[in-house]
């Protein structure tokens, strides 16, 4: 269904371009500084759109490669080192959490005796 929608959209776009081309066949003078030419208006407009699209493609491609290079350089940079005191604090906190978890999950001596009596 998605392909059918794309096909219909493509056909509509082609029809619009064809109508646009038929309506804009009047030759217009284009001055390039050194030479002046007379081309149909549709050629001038489509040429301008094509050149604009090409420039946008080139600019986004350059930006994409610059971003990839920057990301790659950041990946190769050494990671920031933690201060020894910070590491010790984290270790103590983790050790304490593990000890608390172990206390709550291990049955006490009294609970073992009750379980044995039953």
Protein backbone atom coordinates (compact mmCIF):
# COMPACT_ATOMS: atom_id res chain seq x y z
CA UNK A 1 0.00 0.00 0.00
CA UNK A 2 2.90 2.35 0.75
CA UNK A 3 4.39 1.82 -2.71
CA UNK A 4 1.04 2.57 -4.34
CA UNK A 5 0.85 5.87 -2.47
CA UNK A 6 4.36 6.76 -3.56
CA UNK A 7 3.53 5.86 -7.16
CA UNK A 8 0.39 8.01 -7.14
CA UNK A 9 2.30 10.89 -5.56
CA UNK A 10 5.04 10.54 -8.21
CA UNK A 11 2.49 10.59 -11.04
CA UNK A 12 0.81 13.69 -9.59
CA UNK A 13 4.20 15.40 -9.28
CA UNK A 14 5.04 14.58 -12.91
CA UNK A 15 1.69 16.00 -14.06
CA UNK A 16 2.27 19.21 -12.08
CA UNK A 17 5.77 19.60 -13.60
CA UNK A 18 4.39 18.97 -17.10
CA UNK A 19 1.65 21.61 -16.66
CA UNK A 20 4.20 24.01 -15.19
CA UNK A 21 6.47 23.44 -18.18
CA UNK A 22 3.70 24.05 -20.72
CA UNK A 23 2.64 27.29 -19.02
CA UNK A 24 6.20 28.71 -18.82
CA UNK A 25 7.67 28.31 -22.30
CA UNK A 26 8.12 32.05 -22.89
CA UNK A 27 11.80 32.81 -23.56
CA UNK A 28 13.39 35.20 -21.08
CA UNK A 29 16.79 36.89 -21.30
CA UNK A 30 19.40 35.62 -18.86
CA UNK A 31 22.48 37.80 -18.33
CA UNK A 32 25.61 35.88 -17.24
CA UNK A 33 27.74 39.03 -17.13
CA UNK A 34 29.70 38.16 -20.25
CA UNK A 35 26.91 36.85 -22.44
CA UNK A 36 23.13 37.20 -22.53
CA UNK A 37 21.00 34.23 -23.62
CA UNK A 38 17.27 33.75 -24.14
CA UNK A 39 15.98 30.52 -22.61
CA UNK A 40 12.49 29.31 -21.78
CA UNK A 41 11.43 30.34 -18.27
CA UNK A 42 10.81 26.73 -17.22
CA UNK A 43 14.43 25.82 -18.00
CA UNK A 44 15.67 28.74 -15.90
CA UNK A 45 13.42 27.84 -12.96
CA UNK A 46 14.17 24.12 -13.04
CA UNK A 47 17.89 24.87 -13.42
CA UNK A 48 17.78 27.17 -10.38
CA UNK A 49 15.93 24.52 -8.35
CA UNK A 50 18.43 21.85 -9.42
CA UNK A 51 21.43 24.03 -8.52
CA UNK A 52 19.86 24.85 -5.13
CA UNK A 53 19.20 21.17 -4.40
CA UNK A 54 22.76 20.28 -5.42
CA UNK A 55 24.21 22.95 -3.13
CA UNK A 56 22.06 21.76 -0.21
CA UNK A 57 23.18 18.16 -0.83
CA UNK A 58 26.84 19.19 -0.86
CA UNK A 59 26.51 21.28 2.31
CA UNK A 60 24.73 18.53 4.24
CA UNK A 61 27.28 15.98 3.05
CA UNK A 62 30.16 18.17 4.27
CA UNK A 63 28.42 18.73 7.62
CA UNK A 64 27.78 14.98 7.94
CA UNK A 65 31.44 14.12 7.39
CA UNK A 66 32.59 16.84 9.79
CA UNK A 67 30.22 15.49 12.46
CA UNK A 68 31.47 11.92 11.91
CA UNK A 69 35.09 13.08 12.17
CA UNK A 70 34.31 15.00 15.37
CA UNK A 71 32.48 12.01 16.88
CA UNK A 72 35.38 9.74 15.98
CA UNK A 73 37.90 12.10 17.57
CA UNK A 74 35.83 12.31 20.75
CA UNK A 75 35.62 8.52 20.87
CA UNK A 76 39.40 8.26 20.73
CA UNK A 77 39.94 10.89 23.45
CA UNK A 78 40.79 9.43 26.86
CA UNK A 79 37.87 9.25 29.26
CA UNK A 80 37.96 11.63 32.18
CA UNK A 81 39.49 9.98 35.23
CA UNK A 82 37.60 9.76 38.49
CA UNK A 83 39.22 11.09 41.62
CA UNK A 84 40.44 8.33 43.98
CA UNK A 85 38.20 9.61 46.80
CA UNK A 86 35.16 9.44 44.54
CA UNK A 87 35.97 5.86 43.61
CA UNK A 88 36.38 4.92 47.29
CA UNK A 89 33.04 6.52 48.14
CA UNK A 90 31.31 4.62 45.35
CA UNK A 91 32.93 1.36 46.48
CA UNK A 92 31.80 1.91 50.09
CA UNK A 93 28.28 2.73 48.98
CA UNK A 94 28.07 -0.39 46.80
CA UNK A 95 29.57 -2.59 49.50
CA UNK A 96 27.06 -1.25 52.03
CA UNK A 97 24.14 -1.85 49.68
CA UNK A 98 25.29 -5.42 49.02
CA UNK A 99 25.70 -6.08 52.77
CA UNK A 100 22.18 -4.78 53.47
CA UNK A 101 20.75 -6.89 50.69
CA UNK A 102 22.55 -9.96 52.04
CA UNK A 103 21.20 -9.34 55.57
CA UNK A 104 17.61 -9.09 54.36
CA UNK A 105 17.77 -12.21 52.20
CA UNK A 106 19.60 -14.53 54.68
CA UNK A 107 17.40 -16.07 57.38
CA UNK A 108 18.47 -15.38 60.94
CA UNK A 109 19.46 -18.14 63.41
CA UNK A 110 16.06 -17.84 65.16
CA UNK A 111 14.17 -18.22 61.88
CA UNK A 112 16.19 -21.35 61.06
CA UNK A 113 15.26 -22.88 64.46
CA UNK A 114 11.56 -22.13 63.89
CA UNK A 115 11.71 -23.71 60.44
CA UNK A 116 13.44 -26.80 61.86
CA UNK A 117 10.79 -27.18 64.63
CA UNK A 118 7.96 -27.16 62.13
